[in-house]
C-alpha atoms as a PDB file:
ATOM      1  CA  MET A   1      59.695 146.583 144.669  1.00  0.00           C
ATOM      2  CA  VAL A   2      62.459 147.605 142.118  1.00  0.00           C
ATOM      3  CA  ILE A   3      64.858 145.032 140.405  1.00  0.00           C
ATOM      4  CA  ASP A   4      68.157 146.265 139.522  1.00  0.00           C
ATOM      5  CA  PHE A   5      70.553 144.307 137.004  1.00  0.00           C
ATOM      6  CA  SER A   6      72.735 147.316 136.582  1.00  0.00           C
ATOM      7  CA  TYR A   7      76.494 147.567 137.628  1.00  0.00           C
ATOM      8  CA  GLU A   8      79.414 149.920 137.056  1.00  0.00           C
ATOM      9  CA  LYS A   9      81.626 148.405 134.452  1.00  0.00           C
ATOM     10  CA  GLU A  10      85.338 148.515 135.112  1.00  0.00           C
ATOM     11  CA  LYS A  11      88.476 146.776 134.294  1.00  0.00           C
ATOM     12  CA  ILE A  12      88.181 143.576 136.315  1.00  0.00           C
ATOM     13  CA  LYS A  13      91.050 142.599 138.455  1.00  0.00           C
ATOM     14  CA  TYR A  14      91.131 138.883 138.860  1.00  0.00           C
ATOM     15  CA  THR A  15      93.408 135.964 139.839  1.00  0.00           C
ATOM     16  CA  SER A  16      93.957 132.911 137.651  1.00  0.00           C
ATOM     17  CA  GLY A  17      95.885 129.845 137.729  1.00  0.00           C
ATOM     18  CA  TYR A  18      95.961 126.619 135.762  1.00  0.00           C
ATOM     19  CA  ILE A  19      94.598 123.805 137.907  1.00  0.00           C
ATOM     20  CA  PHE A  20      95.097 121.118 135.231  1.00  0.00           C
ATOM     21  CA  LYS A  21      95.503 120.525 131.534  1.00  0.00           C
ATOM     22  CA  GLY A  22      95.097 118.189 128.750  1.00  0.00           C
ATOM     23  CA  LYS A  23      96.590 117.513 125.425  1.00  0.00           C
ATOM     24  CA  ASN A  24      94.456 120.275 123.600  1.00  0.00           C
ATOM     25  CA  TYR A  25      93.397 122.536 126.492  1.00  0.00           C
ATOM     26  CA  ARG A  26      94.201 124.324 129.712  1.00  0.00           C
ATOM     27  CA  CYS A  27      91.818 124.629 132.710  1.00  0.00           C
ATOM     28  CA  SER A  28      92.237 127.762 134.862  1.00  0.00           C
ATOM     29  CA  HIS A  29      90.347 128.767 137.948  1.00  0.00           C
ATOM     30  CA  ILE A  30      89.482 132.402 137.642  1.00  0.00           C
ATOM     31  CA  LYS A  31      88.360 134.547 140.700  1.00  0.00           C
ATOM     32  CA  PHE A  32      87.319 137.962 140.929  1.00  0.00           C
ATOM     33  CA  LYS A  33      85.349 140.376 143.280  1.00  0.00           C
ATOM     34  CA  THR A  34      81.839 140.519 142.164  1.00  0.00           C
ATOM     35  CA  LEU A  35      80.664 143.910 140.844  1.00  0.00           C
ATOM     36  CA  TYR A  36      77.181 143.322 142.240  1.00  0.00           C
ATOM     37  CA  LYS A  37      76.739 145.927 145.059  1.00  0.00           C
ATOM     38  CA  ASN A  38      75.046 143.936 147.732  1.00  0.00           C
ATOM     39  CA  PRO A  39      76.495 140.555 147.913  1.00  0.00           C
ATOM     40  CA  ALA A  40      75.613 138.068 150.721  1.00  0.00           C
ATOM     41  CA  PRO A  41      78.496 137.288 153.086  1.00  0.00           C
ATOM     42  CA  GLY A  42      80.345 134.264 151.460  1.00  0.00           C
ATOM     43  CA  THR A  43      79.290 135.066 147.821  1.00  0.00           C
ATOM     44  CA  GLU A  44      81.704 138.084 147.131  1.00  0.00           C
ATOM     45  CA  MET A  45      84.111 136.179 144.954  1.00  0.00           C
ATOM     46  CA  VAL A  46      82.947 135.065 141.396  1.00  0.00           C
ATOM     47  CA  GLU A  47      84.405 131.791 140.249  1.00  0.00           C
ATOM     48  CA  LEU A  48      85.031 130.658 136.928  1.00  0.00           C
ATOM     49  CA  TYR A  49      86.414 127.470 135.440  1.00  0.00           C
ATOM     50  CA  ASN A  50      87.813 128.313 132.101  1.00  0.00           C
ATOM     51  CA  TYR A  51      88.836 125.626 129.566  1.00  0.00           C
ATOM     52  CA  GLN A  52      90.908 127.295 126.808  1.00  0.00           C
ATOM     53  CA  PRO A  53      91.950 125.705 123.651  1.00  0.00           C
ATOM     54  CA  LYS A  54      95.777 125.522 123.136  1.00  0.00           C
ATOM     55  CA  GLY A  55      95.178 126.086 119.599  1.00  0.00           C
ATOM     56  CA  GLU A  56      92.971 128.490 117.669  1.00  0.00           C
ATOM     57  CA  VAL A  57      89.824 129.586 119.764  1.00  0.00           C
ATOM     58  CA  ARG A  58      87.016 129.132 117.116  1.00  0.00           C
ATOM     59  CA  ALA A  59      84.001 129.996 119.329  1.00  0.00           C
ATOM     60  CA  SER A  60      82.911 130.593 122.850  1.00  0.00           C
ATOM     61  CA  SER A  61      80.474 128.841 125.303  1.00  0.00           C
ATOM     62  CA  LEU A  62      79.396 129.888 128.767  1.00  0.00           C
ATOM     63  CA  ILE A  63      77.597 127.165 130.866  1.00  0.00           C
ATOM     64  CA  LEU A  64      75.265 128.100 133.716  1.00  0.00           C
ATOM     65  CA  HIS A  65      74.449 125.035 136.157  1.00  0.00           C
ATOM     66  CA  GLY A  66      71.439 124.308 137.991  1.00  0.00           C
ATOM     67  CA  LEU A  67      70.181 124.646 141.689  1.00  0.00           C
ATOM     68  CA  GLY A  68      72.514 123.059 144.044  1.00  0.00           C
ATOM     69  CA  SER A  69      75.846 121.366 143.487  1.00  0.00           C
ATOM     70  CA  ARG A  70      75.445 117.762 142.223  1.00  0.00           C
ATOM     71  CA  ASN A  71      74.736 118.771 138.615  1.00  0.00           C
ATOM     72  CA  ILE A  72      78.121 120.743 138.501  1.00  0.00           C
ATOM     73  CA  LYS A  73      80.379 118.019 138.160  1.00  0.00           C
ATOM     74  CA  PHE A  74      78.639 116.733 135.153  1.00  0.00           C
ATOM     75  CA  LEU A  75      78.583 119.982 133.334  1.00  0.00           C
ATOM     76  CA  LEU A  76      82.226 120.491 134.026  1.00  0.00           C
ATOM     77  CA  TRP A  77      82.778 117.521 131.747  1.00  0.00           C
ATOM     78  CA  LEU A  78      81.744 119.658 128.879  1.00  0.00           C
ATOM     79  CA  GLY A  79      84.733 121.940 129.256  1.00  0.00           C
ATOM     80  CA  PRO A  80      87.710 119.902 128.328  1.00  0.00           C
ATOM     81  CA  HIS A  81      85.872 118.242 125.513  1.00  0.00           C
ATOM     82  CA  LEU A  82      84.611 121.403 123.747  1.00  0.00           C
ATOM     83  CA  ALA A  83      87.930 123.171 124.358  1.00  0.00           C
ATOM     84  CA  SER A  84      89.390 120.177 122.722  1.00  0.00           C
ATOM     85  CA  ALA A  85      87.342 120.959 119.619  1.00  0.00           C
ATOM     86  CA  GLY A  86      88.290 124.741 119.765  1.00  0.00           C
ATOM     87  CA  VAL A  87      85.509 126.304 121.862  1.00  0.00           C
ATOM     88  CA  ASN A  88      86.644 128.303 124.812  1.00  0.00           C
ATOM     89  CA  THR A  89      84.254 127.007 127.538  1.00  0.00           C
ATOM     90  CA  THR A  90      83.558 128.683 130.864  1.00  0.00           C
ATOM     91  CA  VAL A  91      81.481 127.323 133.608  1.00  0.00           C
ATOM     92  CA  LEU A  92      80.239 130.007 135.920  1.00  0.00           C
ATOM     93  CA  ILE A  93      79.512 129.114 139.649  1.00  0.00           C
ATOM     94  CA  LEU A  94      76.439 130.977 140.573  1.00  0.00           C
ATOM     95  CA  PRO A  95      76.257 132.933 143.868  1.00  0.00           C
ATOM     96  CA  GLY A  96      74.826 130.738 146.672  1.00  0.00           C
ATOM     97  CA  ASN A  97      75.798 127.512 145.107  1.00  0.00           C
ATOM     98  CA  TYR A  98      78.553 125.068 145.329  1.00  0.00           C
ATOM     99  CA  THR A  99      81.727 126.759 146.646  1.00  0.00           C
ATOM    100  CA  ARG A 100      79.870 130.200 146.759  1.00  0.00           C
ATOM    101  CA  VAL A 101      77.250 129.344 149.310  1.00  0.00           C
ATOM    102  CA  GLU A 102      76.504 132.165 151.681  1.00  0.00           C
ATOM    103  CA  ASP A 103      76.972 131.989 155.409  1.00  0.00           C
ATOM    104  CA  LYS A 104      74.600 129.778 157.342  1.00  0.00           C
ATOM    105  CA  SER A 105      72.876 128.422 154.204  1.00  0.00           C
ATOM    106  CA  VAL A 106      72.790 125.362 151.886  1.00  0.00           C
ATOM    107  CA  SER A 107      73.755 125.264 148.061  1.00  0.00           C
ATOM    108  CA  GLY A 108      70.945 126.750 145.844  1.00  0.00           C
ATOM    109  CA  ARG A 109      68.330 127.484 148.541  1.00  0.00           C
ATOM    110  CA  SER A 110      68.397 131.401 148.284  1.00  0.00           C
ATOM    111  CA  PHE A 111      67.266 131.730 144.666  1.00  0.00           C
ATOM    112  CA  LEU A 112      63.725 130.267 145.684  1.00  0.00           C
ATOM    113  CA  TYR A 113      63.725 131.044 149.498  1.00  0.00           C
ATOM    114  CA  PRO A 114      60.231 132.582 149.878  1.00  0.00           C
ATOM    115  CA  LYS A 115      61.253 136.031 150.719  1.00  0.00           C
ATOM    116  CA  LEU A 116      61.072 138.815 147.969  1.00  0.00           C
ATOM    117  CA  GLU A 117      64.111 140.714 149.244  1.00  0.00           C
ATOM    118  CA  LEU A 118      66.219 137.628 149.347  1.00  0.00           C
ATOM    119  CA  MET A 119      65.327 136.237 146.229  1.00  0.00           C
ATOM    120  CA  PHE A 120      65.745 139.724 144.419  1.00  0.00           C
ATOM    121  CA  GLN A 121      69.228 139.824 145.944  1.00  0.00           C
ATOM    122  CA  PHE A 122      70.263 136.538 144.506  1.00  0.00           C
ATOM    123  CA  TRP A 123      68.693 136.988 140.987  1.00  0.00           C
ATOM    124  CA  GLU A 124      70.389 140.422 140.678  1.00  0.00           C
ATOM    125  CA  HIS A 125      73.613 139.008 141.854  1.00  0.00           C
ATOM    126  CA  GLY A 126      73.498 136.037 139.470  1.00  0.00           C
ATOM    127  CA  VAL A 127      72.731 138.230 136.366  1.00  0.00           C
ATOM    128  CA  VAL A 128      75.355 140.719 137.345  1.00  0.00           C
ATOM    129  CA  ASP A 129      78.081 137.960 137.551  1.00  0.00           C
ATOM    130  CA  VAL A 130      77.091 136.714 134.296  1.00  0.00           C
ATOM    131  CA  LEU A 131      77.264 139.790 132.468  1.00  0.00           C
ATOM    132  CA  SER A 132      80.458 140.892 134.216  1.00  0.00           C
ATOM    133  CA  SER A 133      81.985 137.418 133.461  1.00  0.00           C
ATOM    134  CA  ILE A 134      81.299 138.005 129.681  1.00  0.00           C
ATOM    135  CA  ASP A 135      83.011 141.403 129.894  1.00  0.00           C
ATOM    136  CA  LEU A 136      86.047 139.791 131.517  1.00  0.00           C
ATOM    137  CA  LEU A 137      86.195 137.139 128.765  1.00  0.00           C
ATOM    138  CA  GLU A 138      85.703 139.773 126.196  1.00  0.00           C
ATOM    139  CA  ASP A 139      88.494 141.819 127.490  1.00  0.00           C
ATOM    140  CA  ALA A 140      90.874 138.807 127.476  1.00  0.00           C
ATOM    141  CA  GLY A 141      89.822 137.967 123.831  1.00  0.00           C
ATOM    142  CA  LEU A 142      88.201 134.601 124.727  1.00  0.00           C
ATOM    143  CA  TRP A 143      84.506 135.733 124.067  1.00  0.00           C
ATOM    144  CA  LYS A 144      84.019 135.441 120.195  1.00  0.00           C
ATOM    145  CA  GLU A 145      81.221 136.656 118.226  1.00  0.00           C
ATOM    146  CA  ASN A 146      80.425 132.899 117.520  1.00  0.00           C
ATOM    147  CA  SER A 147      79.132 132.198 120.949  1.00  0.00           C
ATOM    148  CA  LEU A 148      76.570 130.249 122.972  1.00  0.00           C
ATOM    149  CA  LEU A 149      74.984 130.468 126.304  1.00  0.00           C
ATOM    150  CA  MET A 150      73.927 127.201 127.743  1.00  0.00           C
ATOM    151  CA  GLY A 151      71.611 127.154 130.990  1.00  0.00           C
ATOM    152  CA  TYR A 152      70.339 124.053 132.747  1.00  0.00           C
ATOM    153  CA  CYS A 153      67.273 124.414 135.013  1.00  0.00           C
ATOM    154  CA  LEU A 154      68.081 127.566 137.255  1.00  0.00           C
ATOM    155  CA  GLY A 155      70.832 128.475 134.728  1.00  0.00           C
ATOM    156  CA  GLY A 156      68.220 128.400 132.048  1.00  0.00           C
ATOM    157  CA  MET A 157      66.071 130.758 133.909  1.00  0.00           C
ATOM    158  CA  ILE A 158      68.807 133.285 134.393  1.00  0.00           C
ATOM    159  CA  SER A 159      69.744 132.642 130.763  1.00  0.00           C
ATOM    160  CA  THR A 160      66.441 134.005 129.691  1.00  0.00           C
ATOM    161  CA  ILE A 161      67.189 137.273 131.396  1.00  0.00           C
ATOM    162  CA  ILE A 162      70.717 137.457 130.120  1.00  0.00           C
ATOM    163  CA  SER A 163      69.569 136.905 126.611  1.00  0.00           C
ATOM    164  CA  ALA A 164      66.905 139.514 126.819  1.00  0.00           C
ATOM    165  CA  LEU A 165      69.606 142.114 128.281  1.00  0.00           C
ATOM    166  CA  ASP A 166      72.654 141.333 126.378  1.00  0.00           C
ATOM    167  CA  ASP A 167      73.273 141.083 122.523  1.00  0.00           C
ATOM    168  CA  ARG A 168      76.766 139.550 122.700  1.00  0.00           C
ATOM    169  CA  ILE A 169      75.077 136.048 122.776  1.00  0.00           C
ATOM    170  CA  GLN A 170      74.710 134.420 119.216  1.00  0.00           C
ATOM    171  CA  HIS A 171      72.753 131.533 120.532  1.00  0.00           C
ATOM    172  CA  THR A 172      71.047 130.429 123.760  1.00  0.00           C
ATOM    173  CA  LEU A 173      70.349 126.657 124.732  1.00  0.00           C
ATOM    174  CA  PHE A 174      67.697 126.321 127.381  1.00  0.00           C
ATOM    175  CA  MET A 175      68.035 122.859 128.941  1.00  0.00           C
ATOM    176  CA  THR A 176      65.308 121.500 130.941  1.00  0.00           C
ATOM    177  CA  THR A 177      64.174 124.819 132.348  1.00  0.00           C
ATOM    178  CA  GLY A 178      60.834 126.565 133.070  1.00  0.00           C
ATOM    179  CA  GLY A 179      59.271 129.620 134.397  1.00  0.00           C
ATOM    180  CA  HIS A 180      56.157 130.712 136.533  1.00  0.00           C
ATOM    181  CA  ILE A 181      57.972 130.933 139.936  1.00  0.00           C
ATOM    182  CA  PRO A 182      54.485 130.428 141.909  1.00  0.00           C
ATOM    183  CA  LYS A 183      54.192 127.064 140.351  1.00  0.00           C
ATOM    184  CA  ILE A 184      57.759 126.189 140.981  1.00  0.00           C
ATOM    185  CA  LEU A 185      57.397 127.268 144.664  1.00  0.00           C
ATOM    186  CA  HIS A 186      54.229 125.387 145.187  1.00  0.00           C
ATOM    187  CA  GLU A 187      54.591 122.393 142.885  1.00  0.00           C
ATOM    188  CA  SER A 188      58.298 121.524 142.503  1.00  0.00           C
ATOM    189  CA  PRO A 189      59.886 118.704 144.562  1.00  0.00           C
ATOM    190  CA  ALA A 190      62.958 120.980 144.693  1.00  0.00           C
ATOM    191  CA  THR A 191      61.047 123.532 146.686  1.00  0.00           C
ATOM    192  CA  ALA A 192      59.536 121.287 149.442  1.00  0.00           C
ATOM    193  CA  PHE A 193      61.706 123.110 151.792  1.00  0.00           C
ATOM    194  CA  ALA A 194      59.581 126.415 151.020  1.00  0.00           C
ATOM    195  CA  ARG A 195      56.277 124.792 151.669  1.00  0.00           C
ATOM    196  CA  LYS A 196      57.535 123.479 154.883  1.00  0.00           C
ATOM    197  CA  LEU A 197      58.538 127.060 155.872  1.00  0.00           C
ATOM    198  CA  PHE A 198      55.063 128.067 154.963  1.00  0.00           C
ATOM    199  CA  GLU A 199      53.522 125.961 157.687  1.00  0.00           C
ATOM    200  CA  LYS A 200      55.387 127.907 160.268  1.00  0.00           C
ATOM    201  CA  GLU A 201      52.797 130.029 161.948  1.00  0.00           C
ATOM    202  CA  GLY A 202      53.339 133.629 162.542  1.00  0.00           C
ATOM    203  CA  LEU A 203      55.968 134.346 159.986  1.00  0.00           C
ATOM    204  CA  ASP A 204      55.596 136.588 157.088  1.00  0.00           C
ATOM    205  CA  TRP A 205      56.433 135.148 153.743  1.00  0.00           C
ATOM    206  CA  ASP A 206      55.386 138.264 151.711  1.00  0.00           C
ATOM    207  CA  GLY A 207      52.114 136.484 150.628  1.00  0.00           C
ATOM    208  CA  LEU A 208      54.055 133.894 148.711  1.00  0.00           C
ATOM    209  CA  GLU A 209      52.376 131.081 150.860  1.00  0.00           C
ATOM    210  CA  ASP A 210      48.914 132.053 149.399  1.00  0.00           C
ATOM    211  CA  LYS A 211      48.875 129.708 146.449  1.00  0.00           C
ATOM    212  CA  ASP A 212      45.602 130.468 145.056  1.00  0.00           C
ATOM    213  CA  LEU A 213      45.953 134.214 145.210  1.00  0.00           C
ATOM    214  CA  LEU A 214      49.370 133.984 143.522  1.00  0.00           C
ATOM    215  CA  TYR A 215      48.073 131.865 140.716  1.00  0.00           C
ATOM    216  CA  ARG A 216      45.007 134.166 140.259  1.00  0.00           C
ATOM    217  CA  ILE A 217      47.307 137.314 140.137  1.00  0.00           C
ATOM    218  CA  TYR A 218      49.561 135.575 137.494  1.00  0.00           C
ATOM    219  CA  LYS A 219      46.593 134.506 135.300  1.00  0.00           C
ATOM    220  CA  GLU A 220      45.409 138.117 135.276  1.00  0.00           C
ATOM    221  CA  GLN A 221      48.702 139.908 134.917  1.00  0.00           C
ATOM    222  CA  LEU A 222      50.597 137.541 132.487  1.00  0.00           C
ATOM    223  CA  PRO A 223      49.113 139.099 129.397  1.00  0.00           C
ATOM    224  CA  LEU A 224      50.440 142.386 130.704  1.00  0.00           C
ATOM    225  CA  ILE A 225      54.129 141.547 130.542  1.00  0.00           C
ATOM    226  CA  THR A 226      54.324 141.523 126.725  1.00  0.00           C
ATOM    227  CA  GLU A 227      52.976 145.103 126.855  1.00  0.00           C
ATOM    228  CA  ILE A 228      55.611 146.518 129.184  1.00  0.00           C
ATOM    229  CA  ASP A 229      59.029 147.769 127.696  1.00  0.00           C
ATOM    230  CA  LEU A 230      62.002 146.041 129.028  1.00  0.00           C
ATOM    231  CA  ASP A 231      63.354 149.218 130.956  1.00  0.00           C
ATOM    232  CA  ASP A 232      59.934 149.634 132.615  1.00  0.00           C
ATOM    233  CA  ILE A 233      59.559 146.101 133.872  1.00  0.00           C
ATOM    234  CA  PHE A 234      62.472 146.804 136.581  1.00  0.00           C
ATOM    235  CA  SER A 235      60.186 149.543 138.387  1.00  0.00           C
ATOM    236  CA  SER A 236      56.650 148.744 137.296  1.00  0.00           C
ATOM    237  CA  ASP A 237      54.061 148.673 139.936  1.00  0.00           C
ATOM    238  CA  LYS A 238      51.437 147.126 137.462  1.00  0.00           C
ATOM    239  CA  ILE A 239      52.857 143.691 137.902  1.00  0.00           C
ATOM    240  CA  HIS A 240      53.443 141.324 140.880  1.00  0.00           C
ATOM    241  CA  PRO A 241      57.187 141.590 142.207  1.00  0.00           C
ATOM    242  CA  LEU A 242      57.893 137.991 141.171  1.00  0.00           C
ATOM    243  CA  PHE A 243      57.449 138.746 137.505  1.00  0.00           C
ATOM    244  CA  LYS A 244      60.520 140.775 137.743  1.00  0.00           C
ATOM    245  CA  ILE A 245      62.652 137.740 138.489  1.00  0.00           C
ATOM    246  CA  ASP A 246      60.554 135.422 136.388  1.00  0.00           C
ATOM    247  CA  PRO A 247      61.794 133.888 133.045  1.00  0.00           C
ATOM    248  CA  LEU A 248      58.221 134.476 131.626  1.00  0.00           C
ATOM    249  CA  THR A 249      58.738 138.185 131.730  1.00  0.00           C
ATOM    250  CA  TYR A 250      61.918 138.119 129.439  1.00  0.00           C
ATOM    251  CA  ALA A 251      61.181 135.224 127.204  1.00  0.00           C
ATOM    252  CA  HIS A 252      59.379 137.305 124.646  1.00  0.00           C
ATOM    253  CA  PHE A 253      62.223 139.688 124.306  1.00  0.00           C
ATOM    254  CA  ILE A 254      64.577 137.001 122.974  1.00  0.00           C
ATOM    255  CA  ASP A 255      65.207 136.646 119.240  1.00  0.00           C
ATOM    256  CA  LYS A 256      63.653 133.192 118.608  1.00  0.00           C
ATOM    257  CA  LYS A 257      66.103 132.481 115.852  1.00  0.00           C
ATOM    258  CA  LYS A 258      68.931 132.472 118.452  1.00  0.00           C
ATOM    259  CA  ALA A 259      67.263 130.074 120.864  1.00  0.00           C
ATOM    260  CA  THR A 260      66.758 126.279 121.312  1.00  0.00           C
ATOM    261  CA  PHE A 261      64.675 124.907 123.976  1.00  0.00           C
ATOM    262  CA  ILE A 262      65.123 121.356 125.045  1.00  0.00           C
ATOM    263  CA  ASP A 263      62.444 120.014 127.085  1.00  0.00           C
ATOM    264  CA  ALA A 264      62.531 116.573 129.274  1.00  0.00           C
ATOM    265  CA  LEU A 265      59.520 114.527 128.526  1.00  0.00           C
ATOM    266  CA  PHE A 266      59.769 112.820 131.938  1.00  0.00           C
ATOM    267  CA  ASP A 267      60.732 116.062 134.008  1.00  0.00           C
ATOM    268  CA  GLY A 268      59.428 115.531 137.482  1.00  0.00           C
ATOM    269  CA  THR A 269      61.314 118.400 138.939  1.00  0.00           C
ATOM    270  CA  LEU A 270      59.797 121.331 137.089  1.00  0.00           C
ATOM    271  CA  PRO A 271      55.806 121.285 136.795  1.00  0.00           C
ATOM    272  CA  LEU A 272      54.632 120.681 133.152  1.00  0.00           C
ATOM    273  CA  GLU A 273      52.762 124.034 133.154  1.00  0.00           C
ATOM    274  CA  SER A 274      55.978 125.816 134.317  1.00  0.00           C
ATOM    275  CA  ARG A 275      57.992 124.508 131.225  1.00  0.00           C
ATOM    276  CA  LYS A 276      54.982 124.844 128.839  1.00  0.00           C
ATOM    277  CA  GLU A 277      54.228 128.413 129.713  1.00  0.00           C
ATOM    278  CA  LEU A 278      58.039 129.483 129.123  1.00  0.00           C
ATOM    279  CA  TYR A 279      58.100 127.865 125.798  1.00  0.00           C
ATOM    280  CA  GLN A 280      54.769 129.388 124.675  1.00  0.00           C
ATOM    281  CA  LEU A 281      56.367 132.709 125.153  1.00  0.00           C
ATOM    282  CA  MET A 282      59.368 131.642 123.210  1.00  0.00           C
ATOM    283  CA  GLU A 283      57.150 130.093 120.406  1.00  0.00           C
ATOM    284  CA  GLY A 284      59.164 130.233 117.056  1.00  0.00           C
ATOM    285  CA  ALA A 285      62.405 128.992 118.784  1.00  0.00           C
ATOM    286  CA  ASN A 286      63.703 125.590 118.151  1.00  0.00           C
ATOM    287  CA  ARG A 287      62.029 123.150 120.482  1.00  0.00           C
ATOM    288  CA  LYS A 288      63.100 119.565 121.037  1.00  0.00           C
ATOM    289  CA  ILE A 289      61.336 117.339 123.464  1.00  0.00           C
ATOM    290  CA  LEU A 290      63.599 114.399 124.492  1.00  0.00           C
ATOM    291  CA  PRO A 291      62.619 111.126 126.333  1.00  0.00           C
ATOM    292  CA  ILE A 292      64.728 112.143 129.279  1.00  0.00           C
ATOM    293  CA  SER A 293      64.042 113.182 132.835  1.00  0.00           C
ATOM    294  CA  HIS A 294      65.259 116.493 134.682  1.00  0.00           C
ATOM    295  CA  VAL A 295      68.591 114.763 135.641  1.00  0.00           C
ATOM    296  CA  ASN A 296      69.236 111.594 133.774  1.00  0.00           C
ATOM    297  CA  TRP A 297      70.767 113.237 130.843  1.00  0.00           C
ATOM    298  CA  LEU A 298      73.673 114.684 132.699  1.00  0.00           C
ATOM    299  CA  PRO A 299      76.032 111.623 132.626  1.00  0.00           C
ATOM    300  CA  PHE A 300      75.391 111.585 128.779  1.00  0.00           C
ATOM    301  CA  SER A 301      76.655 115.353 128.304  1.00  0.00           C
ATOM    302  CA  TYR A 302      78.366 114.051 124.910  1.00  0.00           C
ATOM    303  CA  PHE A 303      75.110 114.430 123.144  1.00  0.00           C
ATOM    304  CA  ILE A 304      74.651 118.103 124.343  1.00  0.00           C
ATOM    305  CA  ALA A 305      78.383 118.888 123.552  1.00  0.00           C
ATOM    306  CA  LYS A 306      77.634 117.504 120.121  1.00  0.00           C
ATOM    307  CA  TYR A 307      74.641 119.799 119.515  1.00  0.00           C
ATOM    308  CA  MET A 308      76.464 122.709 121.100  1.00  0.00           C
ATOM    309  CA  LEU A 309      79.077 122.385 118.273  1.00  0.00           C
ATOM    310  CA  HIS A 310      76.309 122.107 115.847  1.00  0.00           C
ATOM    311  CA  LYS A 311      74.928 125.485 116.902  1.00  0.00           C
ATOM    312  CA  LEU A 312      78.305 126.933 116.809  1.00  0.00           C
ATOM    313  CA  ASN A 313      78.751 125.761 113.093  1.00  0.00           C
ATOM    314  CA  ILE A 314      81.763 123.533 113.904  1.00  0.00           C
ATOM    315  CA  SER A 315      80.902 120.143 112.247  1.00  0.00           C
ATOM    316  CA  ASP A 316      84.404 119.103 111.108  1.00  0.00           C
ATOM    317  CA  ARG A 317      85.445 115.446 111.781  1.00  0.00           C
ATOM    318  CA  MET A 318      88.429 116.378 114.082  1.00  0.00           C
ATOM    319  CA  ALA A 319      86.107 118.586 116.391  1.00  0.00           C
ATOM    320  CA  LYS A 320      83.478 115.749 116.706  1.00  0.00           C
ATOM    321  CA  LYS A 321      86.357 113.246 117.273  1.00  0.00           C
ATOM    322  CA  ALA A 322      87.389 115.495 120.245  1.00  0.00           C
ATOM    323  CA  LEU A 323      84.192 114.690 122.119  1.00  0.00           C
ATOM    324  CA  LEU A 324      84.805 111.147 122.169  1.00  0.00           C
ATOM    325  CA  LYS A 325      88.363 111.244 123.484  1.00  0.00           C
ATOM    326  CA  LYS A 326      88.834 110.403 127.129  1.00  0.00           C
ATOM    327  CA  GLU A 327      90.964 113.344 128.280  1.00  0.00           C
ATOM    328  CA  ARG A 328      94.117 112.562 130.255  1.00  0.00           C
ATOM    329  CA  ILE A 329      94.618 115.205 132.911  1.00  0.00           C
ATOM    330  CA  GLU A 330      97.985 116.457 133.702  1.00  0.00           C
ATOM    331  CA  ASN A 331      99.394 118.153 136.749  1.00  0.00           C
ATOM    332  CA  PRO A 332     100.503 121.584 135.653  1.00  0.00           C
ATOM    333  CA  LEU A 333     103.084 121.665 138.309  1.00  0.00           C
ATOM    334  CA  GLU A 334     105.129 118.803 136.898  1.00  0.00           C
ATOM    335  CA  LYS A 335     107.171 119.153 133.827  1.00  0.00           C
END
């Protein structure tokens, strides 16, 4: 199977409207038709929540959420606070999640639904939406050279591919993420639905239900991925198709000086080996192991926002103070 992250660049036509504002920022809901050539019905419109500083834009950040919907409301907290510190902050809703769920599905399922054709479709779509969103922000003068991509869980996996493909990102922050898709399919609590599907007799799951075979193939072929050029990976028949959407395949292409890997000591969602193997291929990147679980840090996004400012070289007192302020939301339709 061939993976295709390419798209035809064009001047993006979009709609944008302020949905609320604070003292130091405005939040606009931006929508545009995806440039991905084969979107699933219901996922055709890209959705961005863009928090723009009212004053000088000192840096840019793009945030990619995790699987499903519940984590998004916590990540949206980052927007007004970082924008108040001068960082134009964009939260992208990935296809198949939250308000972009495809017809007859549920939030987050299709990225790990055990059919190769469907998985390829959503990983391709997610990557194209991220790259084209950066195009849009760049055209609007909102994507600065001083920039940071933050990806949580699924967002971190996609960030691995994005950071390998695109040099417009100054720093990437991987938050509680991993690789090795066979282990995620067969060991993660988040993919219990896939294992239930495997139990249905007479259905073809592209061999993804054969845990032992998949693990053996990965063990044999993992050394090969560092020997294949990036362009050749997309069409190579020397590796299992899952490698083409697996963060493990792209991690070694990333400039380690531009990456921070935050691991959760008590992560019960992603298997330990999944996280360990991804970092091993990023060895040399900044790694922090925190006494957190996969999700319990989300209500305390302040600390991540503070670290993001640090990586963006914004350390003045006023910027840090902006993170502590409780933002009062105003209705933009009122005077």
